[in-house]
C-alpha atoms as a PDB file:
ATOM      1  CA  MET A   1     129.003 -71.453 -64.469  1.00  0.00           C
ATOM      2  CA  SER A   2     125.413 -72.449 -65.248  1.00  0.00           C
ATOM      3  CA  GLN A   3     123.228 -69.813 -66.852  1.00  0.00           C
ATOM      4  CA  THR A   4     120.184 -70.921 -64.856  1.00  0.00           C
ATOM      5  CA  TYR A   5     119.435 -71.917 -61.275  1.00  0.00           C
ATOM      6  CA  ARG A   6     116.568 -73.401 -59.259  1.00  0.00           C
ATOM      7  CA  ALA A   7     114.665 -71.346 -56.709  1.00  0.00           C
ATOM      8  CA  ALA A   8     111.615 -71.636 -54.430  1.00  0.00           C
ATOM      9  CA  VAL A   9     109.292 -68.956 -55.816  1.00  0.00           C
ATOM     10  CA  CYS A  10     106.318 -67.459 -53.984  1.00  0.00           C
ATOM     11  CA  ALA A  11     103.685 -67.315 -56.712  1.00  0.00           C
ATOM     12  CA  ALA A  12     100.695 -66.124 -54.632  1.00  0.00           C
ATOM     13  CA  LEU A  13     100.179 -64.529 -51.220  1.00  0.00           C
ATOM     14  CA  GLU A  14      98.642 -67.690 -49.826  1.00  0.00           C
ATOM     15  CA  GLY A  15     101.276 -68.774 -47.313  1.00  0.00           C
ATOM     16  CA  PRO A  16     104.088 -71.339 -47.451  1.00  0.00           C
ATOM     17  CA  GLY A  17     102.057 -73.685 -49.659  1.00  0.00           C
ATOM     18  CA  SER A  18     102.328 -71.164 -52.496  1.00  0.00           C
ATOM     19  CA  LEU A  19     106.072 -71.806 -52.930  1.00  0.00           C
ATOM     20  CA  GLU A  20     106.958 -73.644 -56.129  1.00  0.00           C
ATOM     21  CA  ILE A  21     110.293 -74.632 -57.630  1.00  0.00           C
ATOM     22  CA  ARG A  22     111.174 -72.807 -60.844  1.00  0.00           C
ATOM     23  CA  THR A  23     114.271 -72.586 -63.008  1.00  0.00           C
ATOM     24  CA  LEU A  24     115.350 -68.958 -63.388  1.00  0.00           C
ATOM     25  CA  PRO A  25     117.942 -67.235 -65.586  1.00  0.00           C
ATOM     26  CA  CYS A  26     121.072 -65.932 -63.870  1.00  0.00           C
ATOM     27  CA  PRO A  27     120.898 -62.109 -63.915  1.00  0.00           C
ATOM     28  CA  PRO A  28     124.048 -60.091 -64.645  1.00  0.00           C
ATOM     29  CA  LEU A  29     125.969 -58.781 -61.643  1.00  0.00           C
ATOM     30  CA  ALA A  30     125.800 -55.089 -60.825  1.00  0.00           C
ATOM     31  CA  ALA A  31     128.840 -53.229 -59.533  1.00  0.00           C
ATOM     32  CA  GLY A  32     129.371 -53.954 -55.856  1.00  0.00           C
ATOM     33  CA  ASP A  33     127.423 -57.216 -55.887  1.00  0.00           C
ATOM     34  CA  VAL A  34     128.536 -60.800 -55.397  1.00  0.00           C
ATOM     35  CA  ARG A  35     127.019 -64.034 -56.717  1.00  0.00           C
ATOM     36  CA  ILE A  36     126.921 -66.852 -54.167  1.00  0.00           C
ATOM     37  CA  ALA A  37     126.440 -70.590 -54.577  1.00  0.00           C
ATOM     38  CA  VAL A  38     124.024 -71.123 -51.694  1.00  0.00           C
ATOM     39  CA  LYS A  39     124.874 -74.035 -49.406  1.00  0.00           C
ATOM     40  CA  ALA A  40     122.250 -73.147 -46.786  1.00  0.00           C
ATOM     41  CA  ALA A  41     119.572 -70.489 -46.287  1.00  0.00           C
ATOM     42  CA  GLY A  42     118.033 -69.524 -42.954  1.00  0.00           C
ATOM     43  CA  ALA A  43     114.249 -69.599 -42.567  1.00  0.00           C
ATOM     44  CA  ASN A  44     113.024 -66.523 -40.697  1.00  0.00           C
ATOM     45  CA  PHE A  45     109.615 -65.437 -39.476  1.00  0.00           C
ATOM     46  CA  PRO A  46     109.523 -62.449 -41.867  1.00  0.00           C
ATOM     47  CA  ASP A  47     109.894 -64.927 -44.759  1.00  0.00           C
ATOM     48  CA  LEU A  48     106.714 -66.624 -43.564  1.00  0.00           C
ATOM     49  CA  LEU A  49     104.888 -63.306 -43.199  1.00  0.00           C
ATOM     50  CA  MET A  50     105.940 -62.188 -46.685  1.00  0.00           C
ATOM     51  CA  THR A  51     104.304 -65.258 -48.250  1.00  0.00           C
ATOM     52  CA  ARG A  52     101.012 -63.832 -46.964  1.00  0.00           C
ATOM     53  CA  GLY A  53     101.724 -60.159 -47.598  1.00  0.00           C
ATOM     54  CA  GLY A  54     101.848 -59.551 -43.860  1.00  0.00           C
ATOM     55  CA  TYR A  55     105.340 -58.075 -43.456  1.00  0.00           C
ATOM     56  CA  GLN A  56     106.574 -54.464 -43.730  1.00  0.00           C
ATOM     57  CA  LEU A  57     108.358 -55.398 -46.960  1.00  0.00           C
ATOM     58  CA  ARG A  58     105.752 -56.401 -49.554  1.00  0.00           C
ATOM     59  CA  PRO A  59     107.610 -57.519 -52.691  1.00  0.00           C
ATOM     60  CA  ASP A  60     105.820 -57.807 -56.003  1.00  0.00           C
ATOM     61  CA  LEU A  61     104.857 -61.302 -57.104  1.00  0.00           C
ATOM     62  CA  PRO A  62     106.497 -63.583 -57.946  1.00  0.00           C
ATOM     63  CA  PHE A  63     109.449 -63.412 -55.537  1.00  0.00           C
ATOM     64  CA  VAL A  64     111.966 -65.719 -53.863  1.00  0.00           C
ATOM     65  CA  PRO A  65     111.934 -65.575 -50.025  1.00  0.00           C
ATOM     66  CA  GLY A  66     115.065 -65.945 -47.944  1.00  0.00           C
ATOM     67  CA  MET A  67     116.804 -63.192 -45.955  1.00  0.00           C
ATOM     68  CA  GLU A  68     120.148 -64.846 -45.229  1.00  0.00           C
ATOM     69  CA  VAL A  69     122.447 -67.401 -46.796  1.00  0.00           C
ATOM     70  CA  ALA A  70     125.825 -69.023 -46.432  1.00  0.00           C
ATOM     71  CA  GLY A  71     127.832 -70.441 -49.301  1.00  0.00           C
ATOM     72  CA  ASP A  72     130.752 -69.999 -51.680  1.00  0.00           C
ATOM     73  CA  ILE A  73     131.354 -66.994 -53.914  1.00  0.00           C
ATOM     74  CA  LEU A  74     130.926 -67.797 -57.592  1.00  0.00           C
ATOM     75  CA  GLU A  75     131.614 -64.357 -59.036  1.00  0.00           C
ATOM     76  CA  VAL A  76     132.281 -60.792 -57.881  1.00  0.00           C
ATOM     77  CA  GLY A  77     131.063 -57.650 -59.598  1.00  0.00           C
ATOM     78  CA  ALA A  78     133.041 -54.549 -60.465  1.00  0.00           C
ATOM     79  CA  ASP A  79     134.326 -52.485 -57.525  1.00  0.00           C
ATOM     80  CA  VAL A  80     134.206 -55.440 -55.098  1.00  0.00           C
ATOM     81  CA  THR A  81     137.302 -55.680 -52.940  1.00  0.00           C
ATOM     82  CA  GLY A  82     138.115 -58.043 -50.103  1.00  0.00           C
ATOM     83  CA  PHE A  83     136.246 -60.995 -51.606  1.00  0.00           C
ATOM     84  CA  LYS A  84     137.041 -63.400 -54.436  1.00  0.00           C
ATOM     85  CA  ALA A  85     135.588 -66.498 -56.103  1.00  0.00           C
ATOM     86  CA  GLY A  86     135.757 -69.490 -53.796  1.00  0.00           C
ATOM     87  CA  ASP A  87     135.519 -67.573 -50.511  1.00  0.00           C
ATOM     88  CA  ARG A  88     133.180 -68.984 -47.848  1.00  0.00           C
ATOM     89  CA  VAL A  89     130.735 -66.239 -46.840  1.00  0.00           C
ATOM     90  CA  MET A  90     127.475 -65.522 -45.083  1.00  0.00           C
ATOM     91  CA  ALA A  91     125.241 -62.742 -46.343  1.00  0.00           C
ATOM     92  CA  GLN A  92     122.151 -60.763 -45.416  1.00  0.00           C
ATOM     93  CA  LEU A  93     119.537 -60.259 -48.136  1.00  0.00           C
ATOM     94  CA  ARG A  94     116.089 -58.814 -48.369  1.00  0.00           C
ATOM     95  CA  LEU A  95     114.928 -61.548 -50.759  1.00  0.00           C
ATOM     96  CA  GLY A  96     116.318 -64.397 -52.836  1.00  0.00           C
ATOM     97  CA  GLY A  97     117.878 -66.833 -50.373  1.00  0.00           C
ATOM     98  CA  PHE A  98     115.750 -69.927 -51.050  1.00  0.00           C
ATOM     99  CA  ALA A  99     117.668 -70.759 -54.203  1.00  0.00           C
ATOM    100  CA  GLU A 100     120.756 -72.459 -55.587  1.00  0.00           C
ATOM    101  CA  GLN A 101     122.260 -69.025 -56.213  1.00  0.00           C
ATOM    102  CA  ALA A 102     121.799 -65.623 -54.610  1.00  0.00           C
ATOM    103  CA  ILE A 103     123.137 -62.125 -55.227  1.00  0.00           C
ATOM    104  CA  ALA A 104     124.178 -59.972 -52.278  1.00  0.00           C
ATOM    105  CA  PRO A 105     125.816 -56.554 -51.900  1.00  0.00           C
ATOM    106  CA  ALA A 106     129.415 -56.983 -50.783  1.00  0.00           C
ATOM    107  CA  GLY A 107     128.693 -54.640 -47.871  1.00  0.00           C
ATOM    108  CA  GLN A 108     126.138 -57.113 -46.502  1.00  0.00           C
ATOM    109  CA  MET A 109     128.536 -60.075 -46.399  1.00  0.00           C
ATOM    110  CA  PHE A 110     130.963 -61.494 -43.858  1.00  0.00           C
ATOM    111  CA  PRO A 111     133.606 -64.157 -44.224  1.00  0.00           C
ATOM    112  CA  LEU A 112     132.186 -67.383 -42.793  1.00  0.00           C
ATOM    113  CA  PRO A 113     134.376 -68.200 -39.777  1.00  0.00           C
ATOM    114  CA  ASP A 114     136.002 -71.629 -39.770  1.00  0.00           C
ATOM    115  CA  ALA A 115     134.199 -72.282 -36.478  1.00  0.00           C
ATOM    116  CA  LEU A 116     130.779 -72.136 -38.199  1.00  0.00           C
ATOM    117  CA  SER A 117     129.287 -74.613 -40.660  1.00  0.00           C
ATOM    118  CA  TYR A 118     127.336 -73.396 -43.692  1.00  0.00           C
ATOM    119  CA  GLU A 119     124.097 -74.217 -41.857  1.00  0.00           C
ATOM    120  CA  GLU A 120     125.174 -72.282 -38.767  1.00  0.00           C
ATOM    121  CA  GLY A 121     126.299 -69.368 -40.932  1.00  0.00           C
ATOM    122  CA  ALA A 122     122.925 -69.312 -42.674  1.00  0.00           C
ATOM    123  CA  GLY A 123     121.194 -69.076 -39.304  1.00  0.00           C
ATOM    124  CA  TRP A 124     123.485 -66.500 -37.720  1.00  0.00           C
ATOM    125  CA  TYR A 125     123.285 -63.113 -39.423  1.00  0.00           C
ATOM    126  CA  VAL A 126     119.667 -61.962 -39.065  1.00  0.00           C
ATOM    127  CA  ALA A 127     119.229 -63.192 -35.498  1.00  0.00           C
ATOM    128  CA  ALA A 128     122.628 -61.878 -34.410  1.00  0.00           C
ATOM    129  CA  THR A 129     122.038 -58.464 -36.007  1.00  0.00           C
ATOM    130  CA  THR A 130     118.627 -58.183 -34.351  1.00  0.00           C
ATOM    131  CA  ALA A 131     119.953 -59.162 -30.930  1.00  0.00           C
ATOM    132  CA  TRP A 132     122.963 -56.837 -31.221  1.00  0.00           C
ATOM    133  CA  HIS A 133     120.913 -53.814 -32.289  1.00  0.00           C
ATOM    134  CA  ALA A 134     118.390 -54.492 -29.516  1.00  0.00           C
ATOM    135  CA  LEU A 135     120.736 -55.110 -26.595  1.00  0.00           C
ATOM    136  CA  ASN A 136     123.589 -52.826 -27.624  1.00  0.00           C
ATOM    137  CA  ASP A 137     122.198 -49.875 -29.595  1.00  0.00           C
ATOM    138  CA  LYS A 138     118.721 -49.696 -28.061  1.00  0.00           C
ATOM    139  CA  ALA A 139     118.737 -51.074 -24.509  1.00  0.00           C
ATOM    140  CA  ASP A 140     122.504 -50.740 -23.888  1.00  0.00           C
ATOM    141  CA  ILE A 141     122.286 -53.609 -21.423  1.00  0.00           C
ATOM    142  CA  GLN A 142     124.976 -53.578 -18.761  1.00  0.00           C
ATOM    143  CA  PRO A 143     126.774 -56.287 -16.764  1.00  0.00           C
ATOM    144  CA  GLY A 144     124.711 -57.237 -13.737  1.00  0.00           C
ATOM    145  CA  GLU A 145     121.366 -56.216 -15.253  1.00  0.00           C
ATOM    146  CA  THR A 146     118.581 -58.734 -15.837  1.00  0.00           C
ATOM    147  CA  LEU A 147     117.196 -59.590 -19.287  1.00  0.00           C
ATOM    148  CA  LEU A 148     113.846 -61.327 -19.899  1.00  0.00           C
ATOM    149  CA  VAL A 149     113.590 -62.959 -23.345  1.00  0.00           C
ATOM    150  CA  LEU A 150     110.173 -63.924 -24.712  1.00  0.00           C
ATOM    151  CA  GLY A 151     110.169 -66.669 -27.339  1.00  0.00           C
ATOM    152  CA  ALA A 152     113.644 -67.546 -26.117  1.00  0.00           C
ATOM    153  CA  SER A 153     113.806 -70.881 -27.962  1.00  0.00           C
ATOM    154  CA  GLY A 154     113.385 -69.238 -31.378  1.00  0.00           C
ATOM    155  CA  GLY A 155     116.187 -67.950 -33.574  1.00  0.00           C
ATOM    156  CA  VAL A 156     116.166 -64.289 -32.520  1.00  0.00           C
ATOM    157  CA  GLY A 157     115.293 -65.246 -28.953  1.00  0.00           C
ATOM    158  CA  MET A 158     118.158 -67.688 -28.537  1.00  0.00           C
ATOM    159  CA  ALA A 159     120.576 -65.155 -30.032  1.00  0.00           C
ATOM    160  CA  ALA A 160     119.441 -62.656 -27.394  1.00  0.00           C
ATOM    161  CA  VAL A 161     119.958 -65.241 -24.638  1.00  0.00           C
ATOM    162  CA  GLN A 162     123.515 -65.870 -25.807  1.00  0.00           C
ATOM    163  CA  LEU A 163     124.366 -62.208 -26.363  1.00  0.00           C
ATOM    164  CA  GLY A 164     122.856 -61.203 -23.016  1.00  0.00           C
ATOM    165  CA  LYS A 165     125.103 -63.717 -21.248  1.00  0.00           C
ATOM    166  CA  HIS A 166     128.093 -62.537 -23.303  1.00  0.00           C
ATOM    167  CA  LYS A 167     127.394 -58.987 -22.099  1.00  0.00           C
ATOM    168  CA  GLY A 168     127.260 -60.066 -18.456  1.00  0.00           C
ATOM    169  CA  ALA A 169     123.506 -59.979 -17.843  1.00  0.00           C
ATOM    170  CA  THR A 170     121.409 -62.428 -15.870  1.00  0.00           C
ATOM    171  CA  VAL A 171     119.104 -63.993 -18.469  1.00  0.00           C
ATOM    172  CA  ILE A 172     115.580 -65.353 -17.986  1.00  0.00           C
ATOM    173  CA  GLY A 173     113.922 -67.129 -20.915  1.00  0.00           C
ATOM    174  CA  LEU A 174     110.262 -67.929 -21.600  1.00  0.00           C
ATOM    175  CA  ALA A 175     108.914 -70.676 -23.868  1.00  0.00           C
ATOM    176  CA  SER A 176     105.907 -72.935 -24.399  1.00  0.00           C
ATOM    177  CA  THR A 177     107.230 -76.471 -23.735  1.00  0.00           C
ATOM    178  CA  LYS A 178     109.586 -78.310 -21.415  1.00  0.00           C
ATOM    179  CA  ALA A 179     111.830 -79.267 -24.364  1.00  0.00           C
ATOM    180  CA  LYS A 180     112.160 -75.601 -25.289  1.00  0.00           C
ATOM    181  CA  LEU A 181     112.994 -74.661 -21.700  1.00  0.00           C
ATOM    182  CA  ASP A 182     115.782 -77.257 -21.734  1.00  0.00           C
ATOM    183  CA  ALA A 183     117.158 -75.746 -24.966  1.00  0.00           C
ATOM    184  CA  ILE A 184     117.075 -72.240 -23.466  1.00  0.00           C
ATOM    185  CA  LEU A 185     119.008 -73.358 -20.399  1.00  0.00           C
ATOM    186  CA  ALA A 186     121.491 -75.202 -22.627  1.00  0.00           C
ATOM    187  CA  ALA A 187     122.014 -71.941 -24.556  1.00  0.00           C
ATOM    188  CA  GLY A 188     123.120 -70.264 -21.321  1.00  0.00           C
ATOM    189  CA  ALA A 189     120.016 -68.822 -19.667  1.00  0.00           C
ATOM    190  CA  ASP A 190     120.093 -68.613 -15.880  1.00  0.00           C
ATOM    191  CA  PHE A 191     116.350 -69.281 -15.500  1.00  0.00           C
ATOM    192  CA  ALA A 192     113.581 -70.522 -17.817  1.00  0.00           C
ATOM    193  CA  PHE A 193     109.805 -70.517 -17.279  1.00  0.00           C
ATOM    194  CA  LEU A 194     106.754 -71.701 -19.196  1.00  0.00           C
ATOM    195  CA  ASN A 195     104.682 -68.942 -20.804  1.00  0.00           C
ATOM    196  CA  ASP A 196     101.436 -70.208 -19.265  1.00  0.00           C
ATOM    197  CA  ARG A 197     102.658 -70.435 -15.687  1.00  0.00           C
ATOM    198  CA  PRO A 198      99.859 -68.808 -13.640  1.00  0.00           C
ATOM    199  CA  ASP A 199     102.264 -66.917 -11.393  1.00  0.00           C
ATOM    200  CA  LEU A 200     104.675 -65.966 -14.177  1.00  0.00           C
ATOM    201  CA  PRO A 201     105.253 -62.293 -13.186  1.00  0.00           C
ATOM    202  CA  GLU A 202     105.849 -63.297  -9.578  1.00  0.00           C
ATOM    203  CA  ALA A 203     108.221 -66.126 -10.564  1.00  0.00           C
ATOM    204  CA  VAL A 204     110.251 -63.818 -12.806  1.00  0.00           C
ATOM    205  CA  LYS A 205     110.442 -61.139 -10.115  1.00  0.00           C
ATOM    206  CA  ALA A 206     111.534 -63.735  -7.571  1.00  0.00           C
ATOM    207  CA  ALA A 207     114.388 -64.708  -9.916  1.00  0.00           C
ATOM    208  CA  THR A 208     115.538 -61.064  -9.805  1.00  0.00           C
ATOM    209  CA  GLY A 209     115.430 -60.909  -6.009  1.00  0.00           C
ATOM    210  CA  GLY A 210     112.226 -58.880  -6.158  1.00  0.00           C
ATOM    211  CA  LYS A 211     113.762 -55.986  -8.152  1.00  0.00           C
ATOM    212  CA  GLY A 212     112.140 -56.790 -11.489  1.00  0.00           C
ATOM    213  CA  VAL A 213     113.861 -57.124 -14.841  1.00  0.00           C
ATOM    214  CA  ASP A 214     115.797 -54.306 -16.470  1.00  0.00           C
ATOM    215  CA  VAL A 215     115.167 -55.262 -20.104  1.00  0.00           C
ATOM    216  CA  VAL A 216     112.411 -57.235 -21.849  1.00  0.00           C
ATOM    217  CA  TYR A 217     113.189 -58.548 -25.357  1.00  0.00           C
ATOM    218  CA  ASP A 218     109.909 -59.384 -27.098  1.00  0.00           C
ATOM    219  CA  PRO A 219     109.659 -61.000 -30.550  1.00  0.00           C
ATOM    220  CA  VAL A 220     106.287 -62.546 -29.613  1.00  0.00           C
ATOM    221  CA  GLY A 221     103.723 -59.838 -28.847  1.00  0.00           C
ATOM    222  CA  GLY A 222     100.148 -60.780 -28.004  1.00  0.00           C
ATOM    223  CA  PRO A 223      98.846 -61.235 -24.427  1.00  0.00           C
ATOM    224  CA  LEU A 224     102.262 -62.428 -23.225  1.00  0.00           C
ATOM    225  CA  ALA A 225     103.633 -58.944 -23.909  1.00  0.00           C
ATOM    226  CA  ILE A 226     101.269 -57.362 -21.389  1.00  0.00           C
ATOM    227  CA  THR A 227     102.146 -60.050 -18.843  1.00  0.00           C
ATOM    228  CA  ALA A 228     105.833 -59.312 -19.432  1.00  0.00           C
ATOM    229  CA  THR A 229     105.378 -55.609 -18.644  1.00  0.00           C
ATOM    230  CA  ARG A 230     104.425 -56.656 -15.110  1.00  0.00           C
ATOM    231  CA  THR A 231     107.914 -58.110 -14.619  1.00  0.00           C
ATOM    232  CA  LEU A 232     109.691 -54.813 -15.300  1.00  0.00           C
ATOM    233  CA  GLY A 233     111.439 -52.950 -12.540  1.00  0.00           C
ATOM    234  CA  TRP A 234     111.455 -49.167 -12.219  1.00  0.00           C
ATOM    235  CA  GLY A 235     112.902 -47.460 -15.289  1.00  0.00           C
ATOM    236  CA  GLY A 236     113.132 -50.656 -17.340  1.00  0.00           C
ATOM    237  CA  ARG A 237     113.341 -50.941 -21.129  1.00  0.00           C
ATOM    238  CA  TYR A 238     110.851 -52.904 -23.234  1.00  0.00           C
ATOM    239  CA  LEU A 239     112.096 -53.924 -26.695  1.00  0.00           C
ATOM    240  CA  ILE A 240     109.474 -54.614 -29.387  1.00  0.00           C
ATOM    241  CA  VAL A 241     111.191 -57.014 -31.797  1.00  0.00           C
ATOM    242  CA  GLY A 242     108.200 -58.535 -33.592  1.00  0.00           C
ATOM    243  CA  PHE A 243     104.813 -60.234 -33.321  1.00  0.00           C
ATOM    244  CA  ALA A 244     105.358 -63.954 -33.826  1.00  0.00           C
ATOM    245  CA  SER A 245     102.075 -64.616 -31.988  1.00  0.00           C
ATOM    246  CA  GLY A 246     100.241 -62.845 -34.803  1.00  0.00           C
ATOM    247  CA  GLU A 247      98.707 -60.354 -32.381  1.00  0.00           C
ATOM    248  CA  ILE A 248      99.913 -56.779 -31.858  1.00  0.00           C
ATOM    249  CA  PRO A 249      99.647 -55.792 -28.164  1.00  0.00           C
ATOM    250  CA  LYS A 250      98.298 -52.479 -26.905  1.00  0.00           C
ATOM    251  CA  PHE A 251     100.502 -51.181 -24.109  1.00  0.00           C
ATOM    252  CA  PRO A 252      98.673 -49.381 -21.261  1.00  0.00           C
ATOM    253  CA  ALA A 253     100.084 -45.867 -21.183  1.00  0.00           C
ATOM    254  CA  ASN A 254      99.251 -45.401 -17.497  1.00  0.00           C
ATOM    255  CA  HIS A 255     101.368 -48.443 -16.602  1.00  0.00           C
ATOM    256  CA  VAL A 256     104.282 -47.083 -18.651  1.00  0.00           C
ATOM    257  CA  LEU A 257     104.012 -43.818 -16.722  1.00  0.00           C
ATOM    258  CA  ILE A 258     103.666 -45.348 -13.254  1.00  0.00           C
ATOM    259  CA  LYS A 259     106.663 -47.682 -13.635  1.00  0.00           C
ATOM    260  CA  GLY A 260     108.705 -45.191 -15.633  1.00  0.00           C
ATOM    261  CA  TYR A 261     109.720 -47.695 -18.283  1.00  0.00           C
ATOM    262  CA  THR A 262     110.562 -47.079 -21.926  1.00  0.00           C
ATOM    263  CA  VAL A 263     108.999 -48.919 -24.872  1.00  0.00           C
ATOM    264  CA  MET A 264     111.329 -49.157 -27.879  1.00  0.00           C
ATOM    265  CA  GLY A 265     110.670 -50.481 -31.367  1.00  0.00           C
ATOM    266  CA  LEU A 266     113.533 -51.782 -33.448  1.00  0.00           C
ATOM    267  CA  ARG A 267     114.235 -52.746 -37.048  1.00  0.00           C
ATOM    268  CA  ALA A 268     117.894 -53.657 -37.208  1.00  0.00           C
ATOM    269  CA  GLY A 269     118.184 -53.844 -40.985  1.00  0.00           C
ATOM    270  CA  GLU A 270     116.373 -50.565 -41.580  1.00  0.00           C
ATOM    271  CA  ALA A 271     118.392 -48.801 -38.865  1.00  0.00           C
ATOM    272  CA  THR A 272     121.712 -49.681 -40.490  1.00  0.00           C
ATOM    273  CA  ARG A 273     120.411 -48.782 -43.960  1.00  0.00           C
ATOM    274  CA  ARG A 274     119.342 -45.339 -42.744  1.00  0.00           C
ATOM    275  CA  ASP A 275     122.522 -44.709 -40.709  1.00  0.00           C
ATOM    276  CA  PRO A 276     125.661 -45.794 -42.604  1.00  0.00           C
ATOM    277  CA  GLU A 277     127.920 -45.019 -39.642  1.00  0.00           C
ATOM    278  CA  LEU A 278     125.824 -47.264 -37.425  1.00  0.00           C
ATOM    279  CA  GLY A 279     126.076 -49.868 -40.161  1.00  0.00           C
ATOM    280  CA  LYS A 280     129.881 -49.706 -40.096  1.00  0.00           C
ATOM    281  CA  ARG A 281     130.007 -50.057 -36.309  1.00  0.00           C
ATOM    282  CA  THR A 282     127.525 -52.913 -36.392  1.00  0.00           C
ATOM    283  CA  ARG A 283     129.473 -54.728 -39.084  1.00  0.00           C
ATOM    284  CA  ALA A 284     132.733 -54.450 -37.121  1.00  0.00           C
ATOM    285  CA  ALA A 285     131.054 -55.701 -33.939  1.00  0.00           C
ATOM    286  CA  LEU A 286     129.363 -58.596 -35.713  1.00  0.00           C
ATOM    287  CA  ILE A 287     132.572 -59.743 -37.393  1.00  0.00           C
ATOM    288  CA  GLU A 288     134.232 -59.907 -33.979  1.00  0.00           C
ATOM    289  CA  LEU A 289     131.284 -61.767 -32.446  1.00  0.00           C
ATOM    290  CA  ALA A 290     131.102 -64.264 -35.312  1.00  0.00           C
ATOM    291  CA  THR A 291     134.818 -64.973 -35.048  1.00  0.00           C
ATOM    292  CA  LYS A 292     134.373 -65.659 -31.332  1.00  0.00           C
ATOM    293  CA  GLY A 293     131.396 -67.936 -32.003  1.00  0.00           C
ATOM    294  CA  VAL A 294     128.994 -65.789 -29.979  1.00  0.00           C
ATOM    295  CA  MET A 295     125.308 -66.489 -30.764  1.00  0.00           C
ATOM    296  CA  ARG A 296     126.174 -69.809 -32.413  1.00  0.00           C
ATOM    297  CA  PRO A 297     122.798 -71.102 -33.654  1.00  0.00           C
ATOM    298  CA  SER A 298     121.210 -74.415 -32.808  1.00  0.00           C
ATOM    299  CA  ILE A 299     119.707 -76.045 -35.920  1.00  0.00           C
ATOM    300  CA  SER A 300     116.665 -78.206 -35.188  1.00  0.00           C
ATOM    301  CA  HIS A 301     115.253 -78.591 -38.729  1.00  0.00           C
ATOM    302  CA  ARG A 302     116.854 -79.028 -42.163  1.00  0.00           C
ATOM    303  CA  PHE A 303     114.920 -79.052 -45.444  1.00  0.00           C
ATOM    304  CA  PRO A 304     115.978 -79.520 -49.086  1.00  0.00           C
ATOM    305  CA  LEU A 305     115.079 -76.750 -51.524  1.00  0.00           C
ATOM    306  CA  ASP A 306     112.060 -78.705 -52.797  1.00  0.00           C
ATOM    307  CA  GLN A 307     110.622 -78.524 -49.260  1.00  0.00           C
ATOM    308  CA  ALA A 308     111.301 -74.833 -48.584  1.00  0.00           C
ATOM    309  CA  GLY A 309     107.616 -74.290 -47.883  1.00  0.00           C
ATOM    310  CA  ASP A 310     107.796 -76.931 -45.160  1.00  0.00           C
ATOM    311  CA  ALA A 311     110.567 -74.943 -43.450  1.00  0.00           C
ATOM    312  CA  LEU A 312     108.185 -71.996 -43.140  1.00  0.00           C
ATOM    313  CA  LYS A 313     105.360 -74.273 -42.002  1.00  0.00           C
ATOM    314  CA  ALA A 314     107.631 -75.576 -39.217  1.00  0.00           C
ATOM    315  CA  LEU A 315     108.151 -71.994 -38.075  1.00  0.00           C
ATOM    316  CA  GLU A 316     104.423 -71.333 -38.201  1.00  0.00           C
ATOM    317  CA  SER A 317     103.586 -74.414 -36.123  1.00  0.00           C
ATOM    318  CA  ARG A 318     106.230 -73.474 -33.515  1.00  0.00           C
ATOM    319  CA  ASP A 319     108.081 -76.767 -34.052  1.00  0.00           C
ATOM    320  CA  VAL A 320     111.478 -75.124 -34.530  1.00  0.00           C
ATOM    321  CA  ILE A 321     113.875 -74.853 -31.594  1.00  0.00           C
ATOM    322  CA  GLY A 322     116.656 -72.468 -32.569  1.00  0.00           C
ATOM    323  CA  ARG A 323     116.809 -72.322 -36.361  1.00  0.00           C
ATOM    324  CA  ALA A 324     115.481 -74.087 -39.456  1.00  0.00           C
ATOM    325  CA  VAL A 325     117.532 -74.028 -42.663  1.00  0.00           C
ATOM    326  CA  VAL A 326     116.961 -74.790 -46.328  1.00  0.00           C
ATOM    327  CA  THR A 327     119.822 -76.612 -48.052  1.00  0.00           C
ATOM    328  CA  PRO A 328     119.728 -76.269 -51.859  1.00  0.00           C
END
């Protein structure tokens, strides 16, 4: 095994253009960790935010972005059971995925199902975990309820569309272009509308038979979030997933009171870190879902490691439909 590896390193908090390729020494493995030969790494919006210091996690410079990978195990540390060198796996990280090698805790890895390619595996974990925590643990969406997904053509949005259908909900997706609407419908949504439709709240309500939606899943934020609150029925649930628009909305408290809805924030990774029992249940559920191919990602963009910064730029410019991956 090589004693060095190449990685896309964020050298300054100046955005995706600050990524540069460096050769790094392979660190020793700690007990419970696994070294992975990365075949593909998913590009996620938090990776983009971290290159500007705009995410909750603010790693010291320099650092290697990349929250999820798929690849082959090179080496296992002491106390690791259930995995061995050569196994195909997908893993959730906090950092380090945009590289030829990555180290992950064994507890944050799954076997990569035969049904998924390395690229699909690299785009599955973070989005699937977010959607599962939102729709299962937080909103507890039920068969027959209606789910509205903002940013439904993105990675976490499309995962929510697929999981909502899997759970028996009627799913309505929002996006910014006709091509994205087509992708949302292809992913299983029952209805899809453009964000800028003048009568958007009325159109969404009409799709629910006038009742209003039961759950809003919002990774977008901004003015669209306030528009989306107008689609909620009595006693609905509003899930704050993130702020891909770059603008944090201010929810009108009087509207929350009048319609009796609940606003919920969620951080799937932090929730499972703080609650080990929740983590165990989530892991078991996700293994089953991955094996069944639920939330199978659509990959619209692929970039070599030398162009990792371009993967984040594609996210920033809203060019990605589904997922973008980096392939070392």
